[in-house]
Amino acid sequence: MPKQPYILHLTERALWDAAREHGTYEVSTRGRTLQEVGYIHFSTRDQLPRVAAFLYGDDPGRDDLVTLVVDPALLDVPVKYEAMPPEGEEFPHVYGPLPVAAVVDVEPWSGARTPG
C-alpha cells in the first residue's frame, strides 16, 4: 500500500500554539470549529495557495499564519477526500480532532503576502 501524501492546513499561529498546549487541534477553517463543521478542512500542497487566497485574501499582509503539515498515517480518525463546490475539486477532510503528534512540520506561510 503506497504511503499517503502529507495533507496541509493553514491556520493562525496562536491557534496552533493553543493546540500544542491542549494536545489536539480542533479548528475546521477560519472562524469555524470542528464541532460546528464536523471535520477539519485540509488541502494538498497544490491546493494551498488557492485556499489561502480564499480564506485570507482580505488580509494579505498577515504574518501570523502557519501551515500544519500532517502525516495521515499518524491519524486515528478518518481522512476523506471529498468534492467541494463549485468545481467539485476533492479536498482532504479529517473527521475528528487532529493530534499534535500527527503534525510532522510547521511551516511559516509567506504566500499570502503581496510584494513590496
PDB file of N, CA and C in Angstrom:
ATOM      1  N   MET A   1       0.844  -1.187   0.000  1.00  0.00           N
ATOM      2  CA  MET A   1       0.000   0.000   0.000  1.00  0.00           C
ATOM      3  C   MET A   1       0.885   1.244   0.000  1.00  0.00           C
ATOM      4  N   PRO A   2       0.720   2.136  -0.998  1.00  0.00           N
ATOM      5  CA  PRO A   2       1.579   3.319  -1.066  1.00  0.00           C
ATOM      6  C   PRO A   2       1.277   4.289   0.078  1.00  0.00           C
ATOM      7  N   LYS A   3       2.313   4.988   0.494  1.00  0.00           N
ATOM      8  CA  LYS A   3       2.180   5.980   1.564  1.00  0.00           C
ATOM      9  C   LYS A   3       1.353   7.157   1.062  1.00  0.00           C
ATOM     10  N   GLN A   4       0.389   7.586   1.870  1.00  0.00           N
ATOM     11  CA  GLN A   4      -0.417   8.754   1.512  1.00  0.00           C
ATOM     12  C   GLN A   4       0.449  10.007   1.608  1.00  0.00           C
ATOM     13  N   PRO A   5       0.223  10.964   0.691  1.00  0.00           N
ATOM     14  CA  PRO A   5       0.974  12.218   0.794  1.00  0.00           C
ATOM     15  C   PRO A   5       0.519  13.010   2.013  1.00  0.00           C
ATOM     16  N   TYR A   6       1.402  13.854   2.475  1.00  0.00           N
ATOM     17  CA  TYR A   6       1.046  14.735   3.582  1.00  0.00           C
ATOM     18  C   TYR A   6      -0.115  15.633   3.180  1.00  0.00           C
ATOM     19  N   ILE A   7      -0.918  16.012   4.159  1.00  0.00           N
ATOM     20  CA  ILE A   7      -2.000  16.962   3.938  1.00  0.00           C
ATOM     21  C   ILE A   7      -1.694  18.216   4.749  1.00  0.00           C
ATOM     22  N   LEU A   8      -2.233  19.349   4.312  1.00  0.00           N
ATOM     23  CA  LEU A   8      -1.847  20.632   4.872  1.00  0.00           C
ATOM     24  C   LEU A   8      -3.059  21.410   5.375  1.00  0.00           C
ATOM     25  N   HIS A   9      -2.808  22.185   6.426  1.00  0.00           N
ATOM     26  CA  HIS A   9      -3.860  23.033   6.996  1.00  0.00           C
ATOM     27  C   HIS A   9      -3.248  24.382   7.347  1.00  0.00           C
ATOM     28  N   LEU A  10      -3.818  25.450   6.811  1.00  0.00           N
ATOM     29  CA  LEU A  10      -3.353  26.804   7.079  1.00  0.00           C
ATOM     30  C   LEU A  10      -4.116  27.360   8.273  1.00  0.00           C
ATOM     31  N   THR A  11      -3.382  27.896   9.237  1.00  0.00           N
ATOM     32  CA  THR A  11      -4.027  28.414  10.447  1.00  0.00           C
ATOM     33  C   THR A  11      -3.226  29.568  11.025  1.00  0.00           C
ATOM     34  N   GLU A  12      -3.789  30.176  12.041  1.00  0.00           N
ATOM     35  CA  GLU A  12      -3.103  31.245  12.756  1.00  0.00           C
ATOM     36  C   GLU A  12      -2.177  30.633  13.797  1.00  0.00           C
ATOM     37  N   ARG A  13      -1.005  31.220  13.943  1.00  0.00           N
ATOM     38  CA  ARG A  13      -0.003  30.696  14.871  1.00  0.00           C
ATOM     39  C   ARG A  13      -0.563  30.577  16.291  1.00  0.00           C
ATOM     40  N   ALA A  14      -1.360  31.533  16.734  1.00  0.00           N
ATOM     41  CA  ALA A  14      -1.918  31.494  18.099  1.00  0.00           C
ATOM     42  C   ALA A  14      -2.827  30.283  18.289  1.00  0.00           C
ATOM     43  N   LEU A  15      -3.580  29.903  17.253  1.00  0.00           N
ATOM     44  CA  LEU A  15      -4.447  28.722  17.350  1.00  0.00           C
ATOM     45  C   LEU A  15      -3.612  27.451  17.448  1.00  0.00           C
ATOM     46  N   TRP A  16      -2.524  27.395  16.697  1.00  0.00           N
ATOM     47  CA  TRP A  16      -1.635  26.242  16.760  1.00  0.00           C
ATOM     48  C   TRP A  16      -0.945  26.174  18.121  1.00  0.00           C
ATOM     49  N   ASP A  17      -0.499  27.323  18.640  1.00  0.00           N
ATOM     50  CA  ASP A  17       0.139  27.343  19.956  1.00  0.00           C
ATOM     51  C   ASP A  17      -0.824  26.831  21.029  1.00  0.00           C
ATOM     52  N   ALA A  18      -2.086  27.232  20.947  1.00  0.00           N
ATOM     53  CA  ALA A  18      -3.091  26.756  21.912  1.00  0.00           C
ATOM     54  C   ALA A  18      -3.297  25.252  21.779  1.00  0.00           C
ATOM     55  N   ALA A  19      -3.308  24.756  20.542  1.00  0.00           N
ATOM     56  CA  ALA A  19      -3.482  23.322  20.319  1.00  0.00           C
ATOM     57  C   ALA A  19      -2.321  22.532  20.915  1.00  0.00           C
ATOM     58  N   ARG A  20      -1.128  23.058  20.797  1.00  0.00           N
ATOM     59  CA  ARG A  20       0.033  22.363  21.361  1.00  0.00           C
ATOM     60  C   ARG A  20      -0.096  22.233  22.870  1.00  0.00           C
ATOM     61  N   GLU A  21      -0.683  23.209  23.511  1.00  0.00           N
ATOM     62  CA  GLU A  21      -0.892  23.142  24.964  1.00  0.00           C
ATOM     63  C   GLU A  21      -1.949  22.105  25.333  1.00  0.00           C
ATOM     64  N   HIS A  22      -2.980  21.952  24.480  1.00  0.00           N
ATOM     65  CA  HIS A  22      -4.095  21.040  24.767  1.00  0.00           C
ATOM     66  C   HIS A  22      -3.879  19.624  24.225  1.00  0.00           C
ATOM     67  N   GLY A  23      -2.968  19.486  23.252  1.00  0.00           N
ATOM     68  CA  GLY A  23      -2.692  18.173  22.676  1.00  0.00           C
ATOM     69  C   GLY A  23      -3.447  17.861  21.403  1.00  0.00           C
ATOM     70  N   THR A  24      -4.498  18.664  21.108  1.00  0.00           N
ATOM     71  CA  THR A  24      -5.240  18.460  19.851  1.00  0.00           C
ATOM     72  C   THR A  24      -5.605  19.806  19.249  1.00  0.00           C
ATOM     73  N   TYR A  25      -5.751  19.799  17.932  1.00  0.00           N
ATOM     74  CA  TYR A  25      -6.174  20.973  17.169  1.00  0.00           C
ATOM     75  C   TYR A  25      -7.592  20.701  16.684  1.00  0.00           C
ATOM     76  N   GLU A  26      -8.515  21.651  16.917  1.00  0.00           N
ATOM     77  CA  GLU A  26      -9.917  21.409  16.593  1.00  0.00           C
ATOM     78  C   GLU A  26     -10.577  22.587  15.879  1.00  0.00           C
ATOM     79  N   VAL A  27      -9.829  23.271  15.003  1.00  0.00           N
ATOM     80  CA  VAL A  27     -10.380  24.359  14.200  1.00  0.00           C
ATOM     81  C   VAL A  27     -10.576  23.827  12.785  1.00  0.00           C
ATOM     82  N   SER A  28     -11.780  23.932  12.268  1.00  0.00           N
ATOM     83  CA  SER A  28     -12.065  23.404  10.938  1.00  0.00           C
ATOM     84  C   SER A  28     -11.485  24.299   9.847  1.00  0.00           C
ATOM     85  N   THR A  29     -11.811  25.562   9.947  1.00  0.00           N
ATOM     86  CA  THR A  29     -11.366  26.551   8.980  1.00  0.00           C
ATOM     87  C   THR A  29     -11.484  27.909   9.647  1.00  0.00           C
ATOM     88  N   ARG A  30     -11.120  28.958   8.981  1.00  0.00           N
ATOM     89  CA  ARG A  30     -11.124  30.296   9.586  1.00  0.00           C
ATOM     90  C   ARG A  30     -12.490  30.616  10.199  1.00  0.00           C
ATOM     91  N   GLY A  31     -12.490  30.782  11.522  1.00  0.00           N
ATOM     92  CA  GLY A  31     -13.708  31.169  12.219  1.00  0.00           C
ATOM     93  C   GLY A  31     -14.704  30.056  12.497  1.00  0.00           C
ATOM     94  N   ARG A  32     -14.365  28.819  12.174  1.00  0.00           N
ATOM     95  CA  ARG A  32     -15.288  27.686  12.389  1.00  0.00           C
ATOM     96  C   ARG A  32     -14.546  26.546  13.075  1.00  0.00           C
ATOM     97  N   THR A  33     -15.223  25.879  13.995  1.00  0.00           N
ATOM     98  CA  THR A  33     -14.600  24.788  14.735  1.00  0.00           C
ATOM     99  C   THR A  33     -14.969  23.428  14.149  1.00  0.00           C
ATOM    100  N   LEU A  34     -14.243  22.419  14.574  1.00  0.00           N
ATOM    101  CA  LEU A  34     -14.548  21.036  14.219  1.00  0.00           C
ATOM    102  C   LEU A  34     -15.968  20.684  14.647  1.00  0.00           C
ATOM    103  N   GLN A  35     -16.358  21.126  15.839  1.00  0.00           N
ATOM    104  CA  GLN A  35     -17.690  20.819  16.349  1.00  0.00           C
ATOM    105  C   GLN A  35     -18.793  21.444  15.475  1.00  0.00           C
ATOM    106  N   GLU A  36     -18.547  22.618  14.916  1.00  0.00           N
ATOM    107  CA  GLU A  36     -19.538  23.287  14.065  1.00  0.00           C
ATOM    108  C   GLU A  36     -19.653  22.637  12.687  1.00  0.00           C
ATOM    109  N   VAL A  37     -18.514  22.241  12.129  1.00  0.00           N
ATOM    110  CA  VAL A  37     -18.476  21.759  10.739  1.00  0.00           C
ATOM    111  C   VAL A  37     -18.544  20.238  10.648  1.00  0.00           C
ATOM    112  N   GLY A  38     -17.938  19.544  11.607  1.00  0.00           N
ATOM    113  CA  GLY A  38     -17.932  18.088  11.584  1.00  0.00           C
ATOM    114  C   GLY A  38     -16.630  17.484  11.104  1.00  0.00           C
ATOM    115  N   TYR A  39     -15.748  18.302  10.551  1.00  0.00           N
ATOM    116  CA  TYR A  39     -14.434  17.846  10.098  1.00  0.00           C
ATOM    117  C   TYR A  39     -13.507  19.054  10.031  1.00  0.00           C
ATOM    118  N   ILE A  40     -12.208  18.777   9.863  1.00  0.00           N
ATOM    119  CA  ILE A  40     -11.214  19.830   9.691  1.00  0.00           C
ATOM    120  C   ILE A  40     -10.836  19.872   8.221  1.00  0.00           C
ATOM    121  N   HIS A  41     -10.921  21.051   7.634  1.00  0.00           N
ATOM    122  CA  HIS A  41     -10.543  21.247   6.230  1.00  0.00           C
ATOM    123  C   HIS A  41      -9.026  21.153   6.078  1.00  0.00           C
ATOM    124  N   PHE A  42      -8.593  20.405   5.072  1.00  0.00           N
ATOM    125  CA  PHE A  42      -7.187  20.310   4.704  1.00  0.00           C
ATOM    126  C   PHE A  42      -7.065  20.535   3.208  1.00  0.00           C
ATOM    127  N   SER A  43      -5.841  20.591   2.729  1.00  0.00           N
ATOM    128  CA  SER A  43      -5.609  20.709   1.296  1.00  0.00           C
ATOM    129  C   SER A  43      -4.318  19.982   0.947  1.00  0.00           C
ATOM    130  N   THR A  44      -4.110  19.818  -0.349  1.00  0.00           N
ATOM    131  CA  THR A  44      -2.837  19.307  -0.839  1.00  0.00           C
ATOM    132  C   THR A  44      -1.902  20.506  -1.008  1.00  0.00           C
ATOM    133  N   ARG A  45      -0.641  20.251  -1.258  1.00  0.00           N
ATOM    134  CA  ARG A  45       0.324  21.337  -1.471  1.00  0.00           C
ATOM    135  C   ARG A  45      -0.105  22.214  -2.648  1.00  0.00           C
ATOM    136  N   ASP A  46      -0.604  21.604  -3.730  1.00  0.00           N
ATOM    137  CA  ASP A  46      -1.030  22.369  -4.899  1.00  0.00           C
ATOM    138  C   ASP A  46      -2.260  23.229  -4.618  1.00  0.00           C
ATOM    139  N   GLN A  47      -3.134  22.769  -3.755  1.00  0.00           N
ATOM    140  CA  GLN A  47      -4.361  23.492  -3.443  1.00  0.00           C
ATOM    141  C   GLN A  47      -4.146  24.636  -2.456  1.00  0.00           C
ATOM    142  N   LEU A  48      -3.080  24.577  -1.670  1.00  0.00           N
ATOM    143  CA  LEU A  48      -2.896  25.509  -0.563  1.00  0.00           C
ATOM    144  C   LEU A  48      -2.910  26.991  -0.965  1.00  0.00           C
ATOM    145  N   PRO A  49      -2.236  27.423  -2.026  1.00  0.00           N
ATOM    146  CA  PRO A  49      -2.285  28.854  -2.369  1.00  0.00           C
ATOM    147  C   PRO A  49      -3.707  29.354  -2.653  1.00  0.00           C
ATOM    148  N   ARG A  50      -4.525  28.544  -3.313  1.00  0.00           N
ATOM    149  CA  ARG A  50      -5.909  28.952  -3.589  1.00  0.00           C
ATOM    150  C   ARG A  50      -6.732  29.008  -2.310  1.00  0.00           C
ATOM    151  N   VAL A  51      -6.499  28.050  -1.432  1.00  0.00           N
ATOM    152  CA  VAL A  51      -7.208  28.040  -0.148  1.00  0.00           C
ATOM    153  C   VAL A  51      -6.824  29.283   0.650  1.00  0.00           C
ATOM    154  N   ALA A  52      -5.539  29.614   0.683  1.00  0.00           N
ATOM    155  CA  ALA A  52      -5.078  30.797   1.413  1.00  0.00           C
ATOM    156  C   ALA A  52      -5.710  32.069   0.846  1.00  0.00           C
ATOM    157  N   ALA A  53      -5.769  32.168  -0.470  1.00  0.00           N
ATOM    158  CA  ALA A  53      -6.378  33.347  -1.088  1.00  0.00           C
ATOM    159  C   ALA A  53      -7.856  33.436  -0.746  1.00  0.00           C
ATOM    160  N   PHE A  54      -8.527  32.303  -0.719  1.00  0.00           N
ATOM    161  CA  PHE A  54      -9.953  32.284  -0.393  1.00  0.00           C
ATOM    162  C   PHE A  54     -10.195  32.671   1.072  1.00  0.00           C
ATOM    163  N   LEU A  55      -9.410  32.095   1.985  1.00  0.00           N
ATOM    164  CA  LEU A  55      -9.635  32.323   3.413  1.00  0.00           C
ATOM    165  C   LEU A  55      -9.055  33.632   3.931  1.00  0.00           C
ATOM    166  N   TYR A  56      -7.906  34.038   3.399  1.00  0.00           N
ATOM    167  CA  TYR A  56      -7.202  35.186   3.950  1.00  0.00           C
ATOM    168  C   TYR A  56      -6.908  36.263   2.913  1.00  0.00           C
ATOM    169  N   GLY A  57      -7.531  36.179   1.764  1.00  0.00           N
ATOM    170  CA  GLY A  57      -7.285  37.141   0.699  1.00  0.00           C
ATOM    171  C   GLY A  57      -7.632  38.568   1.078  1.00  0.00           C
ATOM    172  N   ASP A  58      -8.529  38.725   2.058  1.00  0.00           N
ATOM    173  CA  ASP A  58      -8.906  40.060   2.502  1.00  0.00           C
ATOM    174  C   ASP A  58      -7.852  40.685   3.406  1.00  0.00           C
ATOM    175  N   ASP A  59      -6.835  39.919   3.777  1.00  0.00           N
ATOM    176  CA  ASP A  59      -5.796  40.400   4.679  1.00  0.00           C
ATOM    177  C   ASP A  59      -4.449  39.826   4.263  1.00  0.00           C
ATOM    178  N   PRO A  60      -3.952  40.221   3.063  1.00  0.00           N
ATOM    179  CA  PRO A  60      -2.760  39.587   2.505  1.00  0.00           C
ATOM    180  C   PRO A  60      -1.464  39.881   3.258  1.00  0.00           C
ATOM    181  N   GLY A  61      -1.439  40.862   4.127  1.00  0.00           N
ATOM    182  CA  GLY A  61      -0.208  41.204   4.821  1.00  0.00           C
ATOM    183  C   GLY A  61       0.024  40.432   6.100  1.00  0.00           C
ATOM    184  N   ARG A  62      -0.835  39.483   6.412  1.00  0.00           N
ATOM    185  CA  ARG A  62      -0.703  38.736   7.672  1.00  0.00           C
ATOM    186  C   ARG A  62       0.616  37.987   7.719  1.00  0.00           C
ATOM    187  N   ASP A  63       1.249  38.055   8.859  1.00  0.00           N
ATOM    188  CA  ASP A  63       2.482  37.297   9.028  1.00  0.00           C
ATOM    189  C   ASP A  63       2.355  36.299  10.181  1.00  0.00           C
ATOM    190  N   ASP A  64       1.119  36.060  10.634  1.00  0.00           N
ATOM    191  CA  ASP A  64       0.894  35.144  11.759  1.00  0.00           C
ATOM    192  C   ASP A  64       0.329  33.804  11.320  1.00  0.00           C
ATOM    193  N   LEU A  65       0.419  33.498  10.026  1.00  0.00           N
ATOM    194  CA  LEU A  65      -0.134  32.242   9.521  1.00  0.00           C
ATOM    195  C   LEU A  65       0.951  31.182   9.406  1.00  0.00           C
ATOM    196  N   VAL A  66       0.558  29.946   9.721  1.00  0.00           N
ATOM    197  CA  VAL A  66       1.460  28.808   9.582  1.00  0.00           C
ATOM    198  C   VAL A  66       0.720  27.684   8.862  1.00  0.00           C
ATOM    199  N   THR A  67       1.499  26.830   8.226  1.00  0.00           N
ATOM    200  CA  THR A  67       0.963  25.650   7.566  1.00  0.00           C
ATOM    201  C   THR A  67       1.320  24.432   8.402  1.00  0.00           C
ATOM    202  N   LEU A  68       0.274  23.718   8.832  1.00  0.00           N
ATOM    203  CA  LEU A  68       0.486  22.459   9.548  1.00  0.00           C
ATOM    204  C   LEU A  68       0.632  21.353   8.514  1.00  0.00           C
ATOM    205  N   VAL A  69       1.724  20.624   8.575  1.00  0.00           N
ATOM    206  CA  VAL A  69       1.989  19.515   7.656  1.00  0.00           C
ATOM    207  C   VAL A  69       1.694  18.230   8.426  1.00  0.00           C
ATOM    208  N   VAL A  70       0.716  17.469   7.941  1.00  0.00           N
ATOM    209  CA  VAL A  70       0.208  16.318   8.682  1.00  0.00           C
ATOM    210  C   VAL A  70       0.437  15.029   7.897  1.00  0.00           C
ATOM    211  N   ASP A  71       0.909  14.021   8.607  1.00  0.00           N
ATOM    212  CA  ASP A  71       1.059  12.683   8.038  1.00  0.00           C
ATOM    213  C   ASP A  71      -0.226  11.909   8.350  1.00  0.00           C
ATOM    214  N   PRO A  72      -1.046  11.606   7.327  1.00  0.00           N
ATOM    215  CA  PRO A  72      -2.300  10.888   7.562  1.00  0.00           C
ATOM    216  C   PRO A  72      -2.115   9.541   8.259  1.00  0.00           C
ATOM    217  N   ALA A  73      -0.938   8.931   8.098  1.00  0.00           N
ATOM    218  CA  ALA A  73      -0.683   7.632   8.737  1.00  0.00           C
ATOM    219  C   ALA A  73      -0.637   7.754  10.263  1.00  0.00           C
ATOM    220  N   LEU A  74      -0.466   8.950  10.777  1.00  0.00           N
ATOM    221  CA  LEU A  74      -0.389   9.164  12.218  1.00  0.00           C
ATOM    222  C   LEU A  74      -1.744   9.528  12.827  1.00  0.00           C
ATOM    223  N   LEU A  75      -2.788   9.517  12.015  1.00  0.00           N
ATOM    224  CA  LEU A  75      -4.128   9.853  12.496  1.00  0.00           C
ATOM    225  C   LEU A  75      -4.899   8.591  12.864  1.00  0.00           C
ATOM    226  N   ASP A  76      -5.716   8.696  13.902  1.00  0.00           N
ATOM    227  CA  ASP A  76      -6.588   7.575  14.257  1.00  0.00           C
ATOM    228  C   ASP A  76      -8.050   7.919  14.000  1.00  0.00           C
ATOM    229  N   VAL A  77      -8.270   8.936  13.161  1.00  0.00           N
ATOM    230  CA  VAL A  77      -9.617   9.327  12.725  1.00  0.00           C
ATOM    231  C   VAL A  77      -9.631   9.299  11.196  1.00  0.00           C
ATOM    232  N   PRO A  78     -10.819   9.181  10.593  1.00  0.00           N
ATOM    233  CA  PRO A  78     -10.888   9.084   9.130  1.00  0.00           C
ATOM    234  C   PRO A  78     -10.430  10.346   8.400  1.00  0.00           C
ATOM    235  N   VAL A  79      -9.776  10.112   7.256  1.00  0.00           N
ATOM    236  CA  VAL A  79      -9.456  11.171   6.300  1.00  0.00           C
ATOM    237  C   VAL A  79     -10.202  10.825   5.021  1.00  0.00           C
ATOM    238  N   LYS A  80     -11.039  11.746   4.565  1.00  0.00           N
ATOM    239  CA  LYS A  80     -11.815  11.516   3.343  1.00  0.00           C
ATOM    240  C   LYS A  80     -11.549  12.640   2.354  1.00  0.00           C
ATOM    241  N   TYR A  81     -11.332  12.274   1.096  1.00  0.00           N
ATOM    242  CA  TYR A  81     -11.205  13.260   0.029  1.00  0.00           C
ATOM    243  C   TYR A  81     -12.600  13.467  -0.539  1.00  0.00           C
ATOM    244  N   GLU A  82     -13.097  14.690  -0.405  1.00  0.00           N
ATOM    245  CA  GLU A  82     -14.485  14.968  -0.781  1.00  0.00           C
ATOM    246  C   GLU A  82     -14.567  16.175  -1.703  1.00  0.00           C
ATOM    247  N   ALA A  83     -15.504  16.101  -2.626  1.00  0.00           N
ATOM    248  CA  ALA A  83     -15.708  17.176  -3.598  1.00  0.00           C
ATOM    249  C   ALA A  83     -16.323  18.391  -2.925  1.00  0.00           C
ATOM    250  N   MET A  84     -15.786  19.553  -3.264  1.00  0.00           N
ATOM    251  CA  MET A  84     -16.286  20.818  -2.739  1.00  0.00           C
ATOM    252  C   MET A  84     -16.768  21.687  -3.905  1.00  0.00           C
ATOM    253  N   PRO A  85     -17.881  22.380  -3.709  1.00  0.00           N
ATOM    254  CA  PRO A  85     -18.380  23.268  -4.752  1.00  0.00           C
ATOM    255  C   PRO A  85     -17.432  24.452  -4.937  1.00  0.00           C
ATOM    256  N   PRO A  86     -17.438  25.149  -6.039  1.00  0.00           N
ATOM    257  CA  PRO A  86     -18.362  24.960  -7.152  1.00  0.00           C
ATOM    258  C   PRO A  86     -17.862  23.957  -8.195  1.00  0.00           C
ATOM    259  N   GLU A  87     -16.534  23.727  -8.276  1.00  0.00           N
ATOM    260  CA  GLU A  87     -15.998  22.860  -9.335  1.00  0.00           C
ATOM    261  C   GLU A  87     -16.026  21.383  -8.988  1.00  0.00           C
ATOM    262  N   GLY A  88     -16.242  21.051  -7.721  1.00  0.00           N
ATOM    263  CA  GLY A  88     -16.234  19.653  -7.331  1.00  0.00           C
ATOM    264  C   GLY A  88     -14.846  19.096  -7.090  1.00  0.00           C
ATOM    265  N   GLU A  89     -13.851  19.984  -6.908  1.00  0.00           N
ATOM    266  CA  GLU A  89     -12.489  19.540  -6.621  1.00  0.00           C
ATOM    267  C   GLU A  89     -12.465  18.825  -5.267  1.00  0.00           C
ATOM    268  N   GLU A  90     -11.709  17.749  -5.182  1.00  0.00           N
ATOM    269  CA  GLU A  90     -11.652  16.974  -3.949  1.00  0.00           C
ATOM    270  C   GLU A  90     -10.580  17.510  -3.002  1.00  0.00           C
ATOM    271  N   PHE A  91     -11.001  17.722  -1.763  1.00  0.00           N
ATOM    272  CA  PHE A  91     -10.116  18.189  -0.706  1.00  0.00           C
ATOM    273  C   PHE A  91     -10.112  17.169   0.428  1.00  0.00           C
ATOM    274  N   PRO A  92      -8.966  17.012   1.110  1.00  0.00           N
ATOM    275  CA  PRO A  92      -8.940  16.109   2.257  1.00  0.00           C
ATOM    276  C   PRO A  92      -9.634  16.734   3.466  1.00  0.00           C
ATOM    277  N   HIS A  93     -10.429  15.939   4.146  1.00  0.00           N
ATOM    278  CA  HIS A  93     -11.113  16.344   5.375  1.00  0.00           C
ATOM    279  C   HIS A  93     -10.792  15.334   6.460  1.00  0.00           C
ATOM    280  N   VAL A  94     -10.463  15.829   7.641  1.00  0.00           N
ATOM    281  CA  VAL A  94     -10.145  14.979   8.783  1.00  0.00           C
ATOM    282  C   VAL A  94     -11.352  14.995   9.715  1.00  0.00           C
ATOM    283  N   TYR A  95     -11.918  13.822   9.948  1.00  0.00           N
ATOM    284  CA  TYR A  95     -13.146  13.682  10.736  1.00  0.00           C
ATOM    285  C   TYR A  95     -12.863  13.384  12.197  1.00  0.00           C
ATOM    286  N   GLY A  96     -12.287  14.354  12.864  1.00  0.00           N
ATOM    287  CA  GLY A  96     -12.009  14.241  14.281  1.00  0.00           C
ATOM    288  C   GLY A  96     -10.897  15.196  14.661  1.00  0.00           C
ATOM    289  N   PRO A  97     -10.604  15.276  15.943  1.00  0.00           N
ATOM    290  CA  PRO A  97      -9.529  16.150  16.400  1.00  0.00           C
ATOM    291  C   PRO A  97      -8.185  15.741  15.804  1.00  0.00           C
ATOM    292  N   LEU A  98      -7.368  16.727  15.526  1.00  0.00           N
ATOM    293  CA  LEU A  98      -6.028  16.499  14.993  1.00  0.00           C
ATOM    294  C   LEU A  98      -5.047  16.410  16.159  1.00  0.00           C
ATOM    295  N   PRO A  99      -4.470  15.223  16.406  1.00  0.00           N
ATOM    296  CA  PRO A  99      -3.480  15.130  17.479  1.00  0.00           C
ATOM    297  C   PRO A  99      -2.217  15.902  17.095  1.00  0.00           C
ATOM    298  N   VAL A 100      -1.686  16.630  18.036  1.00  0.00           N
ATOM    299  CA  VAL A 100      -0.479  17.412  17.788  1.00  0.00           C
ATOM    300  C   VAL A 100       0.641  16.507  17.260  1.00  0.00           C
ATOM    301  N   ALA A 101       0.700  15.274  17.712  1.00  0.00           N
ATOM    302  CA  ALA A 101       1.750  14.343  17.292  1.00  0.00           C
ATOM    303  C   ALA A 101       1.683  13.990  15.806  1.00  0.00           C
ATOM    304  N   ALA A 102       0.540  14.206  15.150  1.00  0.00           N
ATOM    305  CA  ALA A 102       0.415  13.910  13.721  1.00  0.00           C
ATOM    306  C   ALA A 102       0.976  15.033  12.847  1.00  0.00           C
ATOM    307  N   VAL A 103       1.291  16.169  13.460  1.00  0.00           N
ATOM    308  CA  VAL A 103       1.865  17.306  12.725  1.00  0.00           C
ATOM    309  C   VAL A 103       3.369  17.092  12.661  1.00  0.00           C
ATOM    310  N   VAL A 104       3.866  16.817  11.444  1.00  0.00           N
ATOM    311  CA  VAL A 104       5.279  16.492  11.270  1.00  0.00           C
ATOM    312  C   VAL A 104       6.133  17.711  10.975  1.00  0.00           C
ATOM    313  N   ASP A 105       5.477  18.831  10.628  1.00  0.00           N
ATOM    314  CA  ASP A 105       6.209  20.069  10.374  1.00  0.00           C
ATOM    315  C   ASP A 105       5.234  21.234  10.484  1.00  0.00           C
ATOM    316  N   VAL A 106       5.772  22.390  10.830  1.00  0.00           N
ATOM    317  CA  VAL A 106       5.005  23.635  10.850  1.00  0.00           C
ATOM    318  C   VAL A 106       5.815  24.639  10.045  1.00  0.00           C
ATOM    319  N   GLU A 107       5.233  25.086   8.936  1.00  0.00           N
ATOM    320  CA  GLU A 107       5.935  25.996   8.027  1.00  0.00           C
ATOM    321  C   GLU A 107       5.331  27.389   8.127  1.00  0.00           C
ATOM    322  N   PRO A 108       6.160  28.419   8.197  1.00  0.00           N
ATOM    323  CA  PRO A 108       5.602  29.767   8.138  1.00  0.00           C
ATOM    324  C   PRO A 108       4.970  29.990   6.767  1.00  0.00           C
ATOM    325  N   TRP A 109       3.842  30.683   6.743  1.00  0.00           N
ATOM    326  CA  TRP A 109       3.174  30.948   5.467  1.00  0.00           C
ATOM    327  C   TRP A 109       3.568  32.325   4.990  1.00  0.00           C
ATOM    328  N   SER A 110       4.174  32.385   3.831  1.00  0.00           N
ATOM    329  CA  SER A 110       4.543  33.678   3.261  1.00  0.00           C
ATOM    330  C   SER A 110       3.809  33.937   1.960  1.00  0.00           C
ATOM    331  N   GLY A 111       3.145  32.941   1.436  1.00  0.00           N
ATOM    332  CA  GLY A 111       2.474  33.073   0.150  1.00  0.00           C
ATOM    333  C   GLY A 111       1.291  34.013   0.164  1.00  0.00           C
ATOM    334  N   ALA A 112       0.758  34.357   1.350  1.00  0.00           N
ATOM    335  CA  ALA A 112      -0.392  35.238   1.416  1.00  0.00           C
ATOM    336  C   ALA A 112       0.007  36.704   1.326  1.00  0.00           C
ATOM    337  N   ARG A 113       1.290  36.985   1.362  1.00  0.00           N
ATOM    338  CA  ARG A 113       1.723  38.382   1.337  1.00  0.00           C
ATOM    339  C   ARG A 113       1.877  38.884  -0.085  1.00  0.00           C
ATOM    340  N   THR A 114       1.675  40.159  -0.245  1.00  0.00           N
ATOM    341  CA  THR A 114       1.909  40.791  -1.537  1.00  0.00           C
ATOM    342  C   THR A 114       3.287  41.436  -1.515  1.00  0.00           C
ATOM    343  N   PRO A 115       3.986  41.467  -2.669  1.00  0.00           N
ATOM    344  CA  PRO A 115       5.324  42.051  -2.692  1.00  0.00           C
ATOM    345  C   PRO A 115       5.295  43.545  -2.359  1.00  0.00           C
ATOM    346  N   GLY A 116       6.407  43.987  -1.731  1.00  0.00           N
ATOM    347  CA  GLY A 116       6.651  45.394  -1.540  1.00  0.00           C
ATOM    348  C   GLY A 116       5.941  46.066  -0.480  1.00  0.00           C
TER     349      GLY A 116
END
